[in-house]
Amino acid sequence: DVWYEHIEWDDNPFLSQEEIKKYSASLSDDELESRRYGNFMSGTGMVYNEFDENYNVIDPFDVPIEWYDKISIDPGLHNPLSCHWYACDYDNNIYVIAEHYEKQKTIEYHSKCIKEISQKLHWPLKNGKIEALIDSAAKQRTLASEKNVVELFYDYGILVNPNVNKDVLSGISKVKTYLKNMNNQTHLYIFNSCKN
């Protein structure tokens, strides 16, 4: 014999209706069926199906330096290293304004490219170095290297911070709300010059 019970978010007395409404608005129909109602769904397709090239991809414009926010680096050797420059306006809209994306290159090469892009943007420095966020896995050493990726970037003038929140689900949820909030508004824009 098999017995099962369907429970959904409204059955939880500790969740506020406002919280349920807010989170529900950030989910696709399939995700809502799965997460809120516990129904099995295929789980296939894009992670960010809220992304719409017609709204989220825009022509570049001159971004005020005071909007400059963060640089993020996702290192890779066989997979591409992905580096993006972000700006945030006074309405909390996020803009991806530049990128560096290449594979099978050295940290020295990537550092040179990151410096060149930062210089073109007039990106601010801290103690003469570019600051960036990086995956915490970059702190790990391999048997083939005396230094880890964090140390190598530092040697080439880029101060990377590996102490980032790696909670994947909350990160995905946050990006989804930037792509489409409760009012179907987008707050994440990518310059069309950032092809990757």
N, C-alpha and C. Protein backbone atom coordinates (compact mmCIF):
# COMPACT_ATOMS: atom_id res chain seq x y z
N ASP A 1 0.84 -1.19 0.00
CA ASP A 1 0.00 0.00 0.00
C ASP A 1 0.88 1.25 0.00
N VAL A 2 0.42 2.23 -0.73
CA VAL A 2 1.11 3.52 -0.76
C VAL A 2 0.13 4.59 -0.33
N TRP A 3 0.58 5.44 0.57
CA TRP A 3 -0.26 6.55 1.04
C TRP A 3 0.56 7.83 0.87
N TYR A 4 -0.07 8.86 0.37
CA TYR A 4 0.65 10.12 0.24
C TYR A 4 -0.30 11.27 0.56
N GLU A 5 0.30 12.38 0.92
CA GLU A 5 -0.44 13.58 1.30
C GLU A 5 0.15 14.77 0.54
N HIS A 6 -0.70 15.53 -0.11
CA HIS A 6 -0.22 16.75 -0.76
C HIS A 6 -0.31 17.91 0.22
N ILE A 7 0.79 18.58 0.39
CA ILE A 7 0.85 19.76 1.27
C ILE A 7 1.42 20.89 0.44
N GLU A 8 0.83 22.05 0.58
CA GLU A 8 1.36 23.20 -0.17
C GLU A 8 1.65 24.34 0.78
N TRP A 9 2.23 25.40 0.26
CA TRP A 9 2.69 26.50 1.11
C TRP A 9 1.59 27.09 1.99
N ASP A 10 0.36 27.16 1.49
CA ASP A 10 -0.73 27.71 2.29
C ASP A 10 -1.00 26.88 3.55
N ASP A 11 -0.57 25.62 3.56
CA ASP A 11 -0.75 24.76 4.71
C ASP A 11 0.26 25.04 5.83
N ASN A 12 1.27 25.83 5.53
CA ASN A 12 2.30 26.15 6.51
C ASN A 12 1.92 27.44 7.24
N PRO A 13 1.57 27.36 8.52
CA PRO A 13 1.11 28.55 9.25
C PRO A 13 2.22 29.58 9.50
N PHE A 14 3.47 29.21 9.25
CA PHE A 14 4.58 30.12 9.52
C PHE A 14 4.95 30.98 8.31
N LEU A 15 4.34 30.73 7.15
CA LEU A 15 4.60 31.55 5.96
C LEU A 15 3.52 32.60 5.82
N SER A 16 3.95 33.82 5.60
CA SER A 16 2.97 34.90 5.40
C SER A 16 2.46 34.87 3.97
N GLN A 17 1.24 35.35 3.76
CA GLN A 17 0.67 35.39 2.42
C GLN A 17 1.50 36.30 1.51
N GLU A 18 2.05 37.37 2.09
CA GLU A 18 2.89 38.28 1.30
C GLU A 18 4.15 37.57 0.81
N GLU A 19 4.75 36.77 1.68
CA GLU A 19 5.95 36.01 1.34
C GLU A 19 5.63 34.99 0.23
N ILE A 20 4.51 34.30 0.37
CA ILE A 20 4.09 33.31 -0.63
C ILE A 20 3.85 33.99 -1.98
N LYS A 21 3.16 35.12 -1.95
CA LYS A 21 2.86 35.85 -3.19
C LYS A 21 4.14 36.33 -3.87
N LYS A 22 5.06 36.85 -3.08
CA LYS A 22 6.31 37.38 -3.61
C LYS A 22 7.16 36.28 -4.26
N TYR A 23 7.32 35.16 -3.55
CA TYR A 23 8.14 34.08 -4.08
C TYR A 23 7.46 33.40 -5.27
N SER A 24 6.14 33.24 -5.20
CA SER A 24 5.41 32.61 -6.31
C SER A 24 5.58 33.40 -7.60
N ALA A 25 5.62 34.73 -7.49
CA ALA A 25 5.75 35.58 -8.67
C ALA A 25 7.10 35.41 -9.35
N SER A 26 8.09 34.92 -8.61
CA SER A 26 9.42 34.78 -9.20
C SER A 26 9.63 33.43 -9.87
N LEU A 27 8.64 32.54 -9.80
CA LEU A 27 8.79 31.18 -10.33
C LEU A 27 8.03 30.99 -11.63
N SER A 28 8.56 30.12 -12.47
CA SER A 28 7.83 29.73 -13.68
C SER A 28 6.67 28.84 -13.27
N ASP A 29 5.77 28.57 -14.21
CA ASP A 29 4.61 27.71 -13.91
C ASP A 29 5.06 26.32 -13.47
N ASP A 30 6.07 25.75 -14.16
CA ASP A 30 6.56 24.42 -13.79
C ASP A 30 7.18 24.43 -12.40
N GLU A 31 7.96 25.46 -12.11
CA GLU A 31 8.60 25.55 -10.80
C GLU A 31 7.56 25.73 -9.70
N LEU A 32 6.54 26.52 -9.98
CA LEU A 32 5.48 26.75 -9.01
C LEU A 32 4.75 25.44 -8.70
N GLU A 33 4.44 24.68 -9.73
CA GLU A 33 3.77 23.38 -9.55
C GLU A 33 4.63 22.46 -8.68
N SER A 34 5.93 22.48 -8.93
CA SER A 34 6.84 21.60 -8.20
C SER A 34 7.10 22.09 -6.79
N ARG A 35 7.47 23.36 -6.64
CA ARG A 35 7.89 23.87 -5.33
C ARG A 35 6.71 24.17 -4.41
N ARG A 36 5.67 24.81 -4.93
CA ARG A 36 4.55 25.19 -4.06
C ARG A 36 3.60 24.03 -3.79
N TYR A 37 3.28 23.28 -4.85
CA TYR A 37 2.26 22.25 -4.71
C TYR A 37 2.82 20.83 -4.61
N GLY A 38 4.13 20.67 -4.80
CA GLY A 38 4.74 19.36 -4.66
C GLY A 38 4.44 18.39 -5.77
N ASN A 39 4.03 18.90 -6.94
CA ASN A 39 3.75 18.02 -8.08
C ASN A 39 5.03 17.76 -8.85
N PHE A 40 5.20 16.53 -9.30
CA PHE A 40 6.39 16.18 -10.06
C PHE A 40 6.31 16.79 -11.45
N MET A 41 7.39 17.47 -11.82
CA MET A 41 7.48 18.09 -13.15
C MET A 41 8.74 17.56 -13.81
N SER A 42 8.87 17.78 -15.11
CA SER A 42 9.99 17.23 -15.86
C SER A 42 11.32 17.84 -15.45
N GLY A 43 11.34 19.12 -15.04
CA GLY A 43 12.57 19.76 -14.64
C GLY A 43 13.52 20.04 -15.78
N THR A 44 13.01 20.09 -17.00
CA THR A 44 13.87 20.36 -18.14
C THR A 44 13.72 21.81 -18.56
N GLY A 45 14.61 22.24 -19.42
CA GLY A 45 14.52 23.60 -19.94
C GLY A 45 15.51 24.53 -19.28
N MET A 46 15.37 25.82 -19.57
CA MET A 46 16.28 26.82 -19.06
C MET A 46 16.08 27.04 -17.56
N VAL A 47 17.16 27.37 -16.88
CA VAL A 47 17.06 27.73 -15.47
C VAL A 47 16.32 29.05 -15.35
N TYR A 48 16.64 29.98 -16.25
CA TYR A 48 16.03 31.32 -16.21
C TYR A 48 15.07 31.49 -17.38
N ASN A 49 13.94 30.79 -17.34
CA ASN A 49 13.00 30.92 -18.45
C ASN A 49 12.27 32.27 -18.42
N GLU A 50 12.51 33.09 -17.39
CA GLU A 50 11.96 34.45 -17.36
C GLU A 50 12.75 35.37 -18.28
N PHE A 51 13.96 34.96 -18.64
CA PHE A 51 14.81 35.77 -19.51
C PHE A 51 14.13 35.98 -20.86
N ASP A 52 14.06 37.21 -21.28
CA ASP A 52 13.47 37.56 -22.58
C ASP A 52 14.41 38.54 -23.27
N GLU A 53 14.98 38.09 -24.35
CA GLU A 53 15.95 38.92 -25.07
C GLU A 53 15.37 40.28 -25.46
N ASN A 54 14.07 40.34 -25.68
CA ASN A 54 13.44 41.60 -26.07
C ASN A 54 13.44 42.64 -24.95
N TYR A 55 13.50 42.18 -23.70
CA TYR A 55 13.47 43.10 -22.56
C TYR A 55 14.81 43.17 -21.82
N ASN A 56 15.49 42.02 -21.69
CA ASN A 56 16.68 41.96 -20.87
C ASN A 56 17.97 42.32 -21.61
N VAL A 57 17.96 42.29 -22.92
CA VAL A 57 19.15 42.65 -23.68
C VAL A 57 18.93 44.03 -24.28
N ILE A 58 19.90 44.93 -23.99
CA ILE A 58 19.74 46.32 -24.42
C ILE A 58 21.01 46.81 -25.10
N ASP A 59 20.86 47.92 -25.83
CA ASP A 59 22.02 48.57 -26.43
C ASP A 59 22.87 49.20 -25.35
N PRO A 60 24.20 49.14 -25.49
CA PRO A 60 25.06 49.79 -24.51
C PRO A 60 24.85 51.31 -24.48
N PHE A 61 25.08 51.88 -23.31
CA PHE A 61 25.04 53.33 -23.15
C PHE A 61 26.15 53.72 -22.19
N ASP A 62 26.46 55.00 -22.10
CA ASP A 62 27.51 55.47 -21.19
C ASP A 62 27.00 55.33 -19.75
N VAL A 63 27.61 54.44 -19.01
CA VAL A 63 27.21 54.17 -17.64
C VAL A 63 27.99 55.11 -16.72
N PRO A 64 27.29 55.84 -15.85
CA PRO A 64 28.01 56.69 -14.89
C PRO A 64 28.90 55.85 -13.98
N ILE A 65 30.09 56.33 -13.71
CA ILE A 65 31.03 55.59 -12.87
C ILE A 65 30.44 55.31 -11.49
N GLU A 66 29.61 56.22 -10.98
CA GLU A 66 29.04 55.98 -9.65
C GLU A 66 28.07 54.79 -9.63
N TRP A 67 27.69 54.28 -10.77
CA TRP A 67 26.86 53.07 -10.83
C TRP A 67 27.70 51.80 -10.76
N TYR A 68 29.00 51.91 -11.02
CA TYR A 68 29.85 50.72 -11.04
C TYR A 68 29.73 49.98 -9.72
N ASP A 69 29.55 48.65 -9.81
CA ASP A 69 29.27 47.88 -8.61
C ASP A 69 30.29 46.76 -8.38
N LYS A 70 30.23 45.71 -9.16
CA LYS A 70 31.07 44.54 -8.92
C LYS A 70 31.61 43.97 -10.23
N ILE A 71 32.68 43.22 -10.07
CA ILE A 71 33.20 42.36 -11.14
C ILE A 71 33.12 40.94 -10.59
N SER A 72 32.65 40.01 -11.41
CA SER A 72 32.62 38.61 -10.97
C SER A 72 33.44 37.77 -11.93
N ILE A 73 34.12 36.78 -11.36
CA ILE A 73 34.94 35.87 -12.17
C ILE A 73 34.54 34.44 -11.82
N ASP A 74 34.22 33.67 -12.84
CA ASP A 74 34.00 32.24 -12.69
C ASP A 74 35.14 31.57 -13.45
N PRO A 75 36.17 31.08 -12.73
CA PRO A 75 37.36 30.58 -13.42
C PRO A 75 37.12 29.26 -14.13
N GLY A 76 37.89 29.05 -15.16
CA GLY A 76 37.84 27.80 -15.89
C GLY A 76 39.10 27.63 -16.71
N LEU A 77 39.48 26.41 -16.98
CA LEU A 77 40.62 26.14 -17.85
C LEU A 77 40.10 25.48 -19.12
N HIS A 78 39.53 24.30 -18.96
CA HIS A 78 38.93 23.64 -20.12
C HIS A 78 37.59 24.29 -20.45
N ASN A 79 36.84 24.64 -19.38
CA ASN A 79 35.64 25.46 -19.58
C ASN A 79 36.10 26.91 -19.62
N PRO A 80 35.32 27.78 -20.26
CA PRO A 80 35.75 29.18 -20.35
C PRO A 80 35.79 29.87 -18.99
N LEU A 81 36.75 30.77 -18.82
CA LEU A 81 36.71 31.69 -17.70
C LEU A 81 35.70 32.76 -18.10
N SER A 82 34.80 33.06 -17.19
CA SER A 82 33.75 34.04 -17.45
C SER A 82 33.89 35.18 -16.46
N CYS A 83 34.09 36.39 -16.98
CA CYS A 83 34.23 37.56 -16.12
C CYS A 83 33.24 38.62 -16.61
N HIS A 84 32.49 39.19 -15.66
CA HIS A 84 31.49 40.20 -16.02
C HIS A 84 31.60 41.42 -15.11
N TRP A 85 31.33 42.58 -15.68
CA TRP A 85 31.32 43.85 -14.97
C TRP A 85 29.87 44.28 -14.80
N TYR A 86 29.50 44.65 -13.55
CA TYR A 86 28.12 44.99 -13.23
C TYR A 86 28.01 46.44 -12.75
N ALA A 87 26.89 47.04 -13.10
CA ALA A 87 26.56 48.38 -12.61
C ALA A 87 25.16 48.31 -12.02
N CYS A 88 24.89 49.20 -11.07
CA CYS A 88 23.59 49.24 -10.42
C CYS A 88 23.14 50.70 -10.33
N ASP A 89 21.97 51.00 -10.90
CA ASP A 89 21.49 52.39 -10.89
C ASP A 89 20.76 52.68 -9.58
N TYR A 90 20.23 53.88 -9.47
CA TYR A 90 19.60 54.31 -8.22
C TYR A 90 18.24 53.67 -7.97
N ASP A 91 17.70 52.95 -8.97
CA ASP A 91 16.45 52.21 -8.80
C ASP A 91 16.70 50.72 -8.61
N ASN A 92 17.95 50.36 -8.33
CA ASN A 92 18.37 48.96 -8.13
C ASN A 92 18.23 48.10 -9.38
N ASN A 93 18.30 48.71 -10.55
CA ASN A 93 18.40 47.95 -11.79
C ASN A 93 19.86 47.55 -11.96
N ILE A 94 20.07 46.30 -12.36
CA ILE A 94 21.42 45.77 -12.54
C ILE A 94 21.70 45.71 -14.04
N TYR A 95 22.92 46.12 -14.41
CA TYR A 95 23.35 46.10 -15.81
C TYR A 95 24.63 45.30 -15.92
N VAL A 96 24.67 44.35 -16.85
CA VAL A 96 25.90 43.65 -17.20
C VAL A 96 26.48 44.46 -18.35
N ILE A 97 27.60 45.16 -18.08
CA ILE A 97 28.08 46.15 -19.04
C ILE A 97 29.30 45.71 -19.85
N ALA A 98 29.98 44.65 -19.40
CA ALA A 98 31.15 44.18 -20.14
C ALA A 98 31.41 42.73 -19.75
N GLU A 99 32.15 42.04 -20.63
CA GLU A 99 32.50 40.65 -20.32
C GLU A 99 33.84 40.27 -20.94
N HIS A 100 34.45 39.28 -20.31
CA HIS A 100 35.62 38.59 -20.86
C HIS A 100 35.28 37.11 -20.73
N TYR A 101 35.39 36.36 -21.83
CA TYR A 101 34.94 34.97 -21.84
C TYR A 101 35.83 34.20 -22.80
N GLU A 102 36.75 33.39 -22.23
CA GLU A 102 37.67 32.60 -23.06
C GLU A 102 38.08 31.35 -22.32
N LYS A 103 38.46 30.32 -23.08
CA LYS A 103 38.90 29.09 -22.45
C LYS A 103 40.33 28.76 -22.85
N GLN A 104 40.91 27.87 -22.05
CA GLN A 104 42.26 27.33 -22.28
C GLN A 104 43.32 28.43 -22.36
N LYS A 105 43.23 29.40 -21.44
CA LYS A 105 44.23 30.45 -21.33
C LYS A 105 44.74 30.49 -19.89
N THR A 106 45.87 31.14 -19.69
CA THR A 106 46.48 31.23 -18.36
C THR A 106 45.85 32.35 -17.54
N ILE A 107 46.08 32.32 -16.22
CA ILE A 107 45.61 33.40 -15.35
C ILE A 107 46.30 34.71 -15.75
N GLU A 108 47.54 34.62 -16.15
CA GLU A 108 48.25 35.82 -16.61
C GLU A 108 47.53 36.45 -17.81
N TYR A 109 47.13 35.63 -18.76
CA TYR A 109 46.41 36.13 -19.94
C TYR A 109 45.06 36.74 -19.54
N HIS A 110 44.30 36.01 -18.72
CA HIS A 110 42.99 36.52 -18.29
C HIS A 110 43.13 37.83 -17.52
N SER A 111 44.14 37.90 -16.65
CA SER A 111 44.37 39.12 -15.87
C SER A 111 44.65 40.30 -16.78
N LYS A 112 45.43 40.08 -17.81
CA LYS A 112 45.74 41.14 -18.78
C LYS A 112 44.45 41.63 -19.46
N CYS A 113 43.61 40.70 -19.88
CA CYS A 113 42.34 41.07 -20.53
C CYS A 113 41.41 41.81 -19.56
N ILE A 114 41.33 41.33 -18.32
CA ILE A 114 40.47 41.97 -17.32
C ILE A 114 40.96 43.39 -17.05
N LYS A 115 42.27 43.57 -16.97
CA LYS A 115 42.84 44.91 -16.74
C LYS A 115 42.53 45.84 -17.92
N GLU A 116 42.66 45.33 -19.14
CA GLU A 116 42.39 46.15 -20.33
C GLU A 116 40.94 46.62 -20.37
N ILE A 117 40.01 45.71 -20.11
CA ILE A 117 38.59 46.08 -20.10
C ILE A 117 38.31 47.08 -18.98
N SER A 118 38.87 46.81 -17.80
CA SER A 118 38.67 47.71 -16.66
C SER A 118 39.22 49.10 -16.95
N GLN A 119 40.35 49.15 -17.61
CA GLN A 119 40.96 50.44 -17.95
C GLN A 119 40.08 51.20 -18.94
N LYS A 120 39.53 50.51 -19.94
CA LYS A 120 38.63 51.16 -20.90
C LYS A 120 37.39 51.73 -20.21
N LEU A 121 36.91 51.02 -19.19
CA LEU A 121 35.72 51.45 -18.46
C LEU A 121 36.04 52.51 -17.40
N HIS A 122 37.33 52.73 -17.12
CA HIS A 122 37.77 53.60 -16.01
C HIS A 122 37.26 53.03 -14.67
N TRP A 123 37.34 51.70 -14.56
CA TRP A 123 36.87 51.01 -13.36
C TRP A 123 37.75 51.41 -12.17
N PRO A 124 37.17 51.72 -11.02
CA PRO A 124 37.98 52.14 -9.86
C PRO A 124 38.85 51.01 -9.32
N LEU A 125 40.02 51.38 -8.79
CA LEU A 125 40.96 50.42 -8.22
C LEU A 125 40.95 50.56 -6.70
N LYS A 126 41.40 49.51 -6.03
CA LYS A 126 41.59 49.57 -4.58
C LYS A 126 43.04 49.23 -4.30
N ASN A 127 43.75 50.20 -3.74
CA ASN A 127 45.19 50.03 -3.50
C ASN A 127 45.93 49.59 -4.76
N GLY A 128 45.53 50.16 -5.90
CA GLY A 128 46.20 49.86 -7.17
C GLY A 128 45.79 48.55 -7.81
N LYS A 129 44.83 47.87 -7.23
CA LYS A 129 44.40 46.58 -7.79
C LYS A 129 42.91 46.61 -8.13
N ILE A 130 42.54 45.79 -9.09
CA ILE A 130 41.14 45.60 -9.46
C ILE A 130 40.56 44.62 -8.44
N GLU A 131 39.35 44.90 -7.95
CA GLU A 131 38.67 43.99 -7.04
C GLU A 131 37.62 43.19 -7.80
N ALA A 132 37.49 41.91 -7.45
CA ALA A 132 36.48 41.06 -8.09
C ALA A 132 36.04 39.96 -7.13
N LEU A 133 34.83 39.48 -7.35
CA LEU A 133 34.33 38.30 -6.63
C LEU A 133 34.69 37.07 -7.46
N ILE A 134 34.96 35.97 -6.78
CA ILE A 134 35.33 34.74 -7.49
C ILE A 134 34.77 33.54 -6.73
N ASP A 135 34.54 32.46 -7.43
CA ASP A 135 34.07 31.22 -6.83
C ASP A 135 35.07 30.76 -5.76
N SER A 136 34.55 30.32 -4.61
CA SER A 136 35.42 29.90 -3.51
C SER A 136 36.30 28.70 -3.87
N ALA A 137 35.92 27.95 -4.88
CA ALA A 137 36.75 26.82 -5.32
C ALA A 137 38.12 27.30 -5.82
N ALA A 138 38.24 28.58 -6.12
CA ALA A 138 39.51 29.14 -6.61
C ALA A 138 40.58 29.15 -5.52
N LYS A 139 40.22 28.85 -4.27
CA LYS A 139 41.20 28.79 -3.18
C LYS A 139 41.92 27.45 -3.14
N GLN A 140 41.41 26.47 -3.87
CA GLN A 140 41.99 25.13 -3.82
C GLN A 140 43.25 25.06 -4.67
N ARG A 141 44.23 24.34 -4.14
CA ARG A 141 45.47 24.11 -4.89
C ARG A 141 45.39 22.77 -5.60
N THR A 142 46.06 22.70 -6.72
CA THR A 142 46.20 21.42 -7.40
C THR A 142 47.61 20.91 -7.17
N LEU A 143 47.84 19.67 -7.43
CA LEU A 143 49.20 19.12 -7.29
C LEU A 143 50.17 19.75 -8.28
N ALA A 144 49.64 20.26 -9.37
CA ALA A 144 50.49 20.81 -10.43
C ALA A 144 50.90 22.27 -10.17
N SER A 145 50.34 22.91 -9.13
CA SER A 145 50.60 24.32 -8.94
C SER A 145 50.99 24.63 -7.50
N GLU A 146 51.96 25.53 -7.34
CA GLU A 146 52.36 25.97 -6.01
C GLU A 146 51.34 26.96 -5.44
N LYS A 147 50.65 27.67 -6.32
CA LYS A 147 49.70 28.69 -5.89
C LYS A 147 48.30 28.35 -6.39
N ASN A 148 47.30 28.82 -5.64
CA ASN A 148 45.92 28.64 -6.10
C ASN A 148 45.53 29.81 -7.01
N VAL A 149 44.35 29.75 -7.58
CA VAL A 149 43.89 30.76 -8.54
C VAL A 149 43.78 32.14 -7.89
N VAL A 150 43.33 32.19 -6.63
CA VAL A 150 43.22 33.46 -5.91
C VAL A 150 44.59 34.12 -5.82
N GLU A 151 45.61 33.35 -5.44
CA GLU A 151 46.97 33.88 -5.31
C GLU A 151 47.54 34.30 -6.66
N LEU A 152 47.25 33.52 -7.69
CA LEU A 152 47.76 33.87 -9.02
C LEU A 152 47.15 35.18 -9.52
N PHE A 153 45.83 35.36 -9.34
CA PHE A 153 45.21 36.62 -9.74
C PHE A 153 45.83 37.79 -8.99
N TYR A 154 46.08 37.60 -7.69
CA TYR A 154 46.69 38.66 -6.88
C TYR A 154 48.06 39.04 -7.43
N ASP A 155 48.85 38.03 -7.80
CA ASP A 155 50.18 38.29 -8.37
C ASP A 155 50.10 39.13 -9.64
N TYR A 156 48.98 39.01 -10.37
CA TYR A 156 48.82 39.75 -11.62
C TYR A 156 47.95 41.00 -11.46
N GLY A 157 47.78 41.45 -10.20
CA GLY A 157 47.14 42.75 -9.97
C GLY A 157 45.64 42.74 -9.80
N ILE A 158 45.06 41.56 -9.56
CA ILE A 158 43.61 41.48 -9.37
C ILE A 158 43.33 40.85 -8.00
N LEU A 159 42.68 41.62 -7.15
CA LEU A 159 42.34 41.17 -5.81
C LEU A 159 40.97 40.51 -5.86
N VAL A 160 40.97 39.18 -5.80
CA VAL A 160 39.71 38.44 -5.89
C VAL A 160 39.27 38.02 -4.50
N ASN A 161 37.97 38.12 -4.26
CA ASN A 161 37.38 37.75 -2.98
C ASN A 161 36.61 36.44 -3.17
N PRO A 162 37.12 35.34 -2.59
CA PRO A 162 36.43 34.05 -2.74
C PRO A 162 35.36 33.81 -1.67
N ASN A 163 35.16 34.77 -0.78
CA ASN A 163 34.19 34.60 0.31
C ASN A 163 32.82 35.07 -0.14
N VAL A 164 32.21 34.30 -1.02
CA VAL A 164 30.91 34.65 -1.58
C VAL A 164 29.87 33.63 -1.14
N ASN A 165 28.62 34.04 -1.13
CA ASN A 165 27.52 33.15 -0.77
C ASN A 165 27.30 32.16 -1.92
N LYS A 166 27.44 30.87 -1.62
CA LYS A 166 27.30 29.85 -2.67
C LYS A 166 25.97 29.10 -2.58
N ASP A 167 24.98 29.68 -1.93
CA ASP A 167 23.67 29.05 -1.86
C ASP A 167 23.02 29.17 -3.24
N VAL A 168 23.12 28.11 -4.01
CA VAL A 168 22.69 28.12 -5.41
C VAL A 168 21.21 28.47 -5.55
N LEU A 169 20.35 27.84 -4.75
CA LEU A 169 18.91 28.07 -4.91
C LEU A 169 18.52 29.51 -4.60
N SER A 170 19.08 30.09 -3.54
CA SER A 170 18.72 31.48 -3.24
C SER A 170 19.29 32.41 -4.30
N GLY A 171 20.47 32.08 -4.85
CA GLY A 171 21.05 32.89 -5.93
C GLY A 171 20.19 32.84 -7.18
N ILE A 172 19.75 31.66 -7.55
CA ILE A 172 18.88 31.51 -8.72
C ILE A 172 17.58 32.27 -8.49
N SER A 173 17.02 32.14 -7.31
CA SER A 173 15.76 32.83 -6.99
C SER A 173 15.93 34.34 -7.10
N LYS A 174 17.05 34.86 -6.60
CA LYS A 174 17.29 36.31 -6.66
C LYS A 174 17.39 36.79 -8.11
N VAL A 175 18.13 36.05 -8.94
CA VAL A 175 18.26 36.43 -10.34
C VAL A 175 16.90 36.38 -11.03
N LYS A 176 16.10 35.36 -10.70
CA LYS A 176 14.76 35.25 -11.28
C LYS A 176 13.91 36.47 -10.95
N THR A 177 14.00 36.97 -9.70
CA THR A 177 13.20 38.15 -9.35
C THR A 177 13.72 39.40 -10.05
N TYR A 178 15.01 39.43 -10.38
CA TYR A 178 15.53 40.55 -11.16
C TYR A 178 15.05 40.47 -12.61
N LEU A 179 14.90 39.26 -13.11
CA LEU A 179 14.43 39.09 -14.48
C LEU A 179 12.93 39.38 -14.60
N LYS A 180 12.17 39.04 -13.55
CA LYS A 180 10.72 39.31 -13.55
C LYS A 180 10.24 39.34 -12.11
N ASN A 181 9.76 40.51 -11.67
CA ASN A 181 9.25 40.59 -10.31
C ASN A 181 7.74 40.41 -10.30
N MET A 182 7.11 40.66 -9.14
CA MET A 182 5.66 40.45 -9.00
C MET A 182 4.85 41.27 -9.99
N ASN A 183 5.38 42.42 -10.38
CA ASN A 183 4.66 43.30 -11.31
C ASN A 183 5.09 43.08 -12.76
N ASN A 184 5.73 41.94 -13.03
CA ASN A 184 6.24 41.62 -14.37
C ASN A 184 7.22 42.66 -14.88
N GLN A 185 7.96 43.29 -13.97
CA GLN A 185 8.98 44.25 -14.37
C GLN A 185 10.34 43.58 -14.31
N THR A 186 11.22 43.98 -15.20
CA THR A 186 12.58 43.44 -15.18
C THR A 186 13.51 44.45 -14.53
N HIS A 187 14.52 43.94 -13.84
CA HIS A 187 15.52 44.79 -13.20
C HIS A 187 16.93 44.31 -13.52
N LEU A 188 17.06 43.46 -14.53
CA LEU A 188 18.37 42.95 -14.96
C LEU A 188 18.50 43.15 -16.45
N TYR A 189 19.51 43.91 -16.84
CA TYR A 189 19.72 44.24 -18.25
C TYR A 189 21.14 43.85 -18.64
N ILE A 190 21.27 43.30 -19.83
CA ILE A 190 22.57 42.85 -20.33
C ILE A 190 22.84 43.60 -21.63
N PHE A 191 23.99 44.27 -21.67
CA PHE A 191 24.38 44.96 -22.91
C PHE A 191 24.53 43.93 -24.03
N ASN A 192 24.05 44.26 -25.21
CA ASN A 192 24.11 43.30 -26.31
C ASN A 192 25.54 43.04 -26.78
N SER A 193 26.49 43.79 -26.27
CA SER A 193 27.91 43.52 -26.55
C SER A 193 28.44 42.35 -25.73
N CYS A 194 27.68 41.91 -24.73
CA CYS A 194 28.04 40.76 -23.90
C CYS A 194 27.36 39.52 -24.48
N LYS A 195 28.00 38.90 -25.42
CA LYS A 195 27.38 37.82 -26.19
C LYS A 195 27.23 36.51 -25.41
N ASN A 196 28.05 36.33 -24.38
CA ASN A 196 28.04 35.05 -23.66
C ASN A 196 27.27 35.11 -22.36
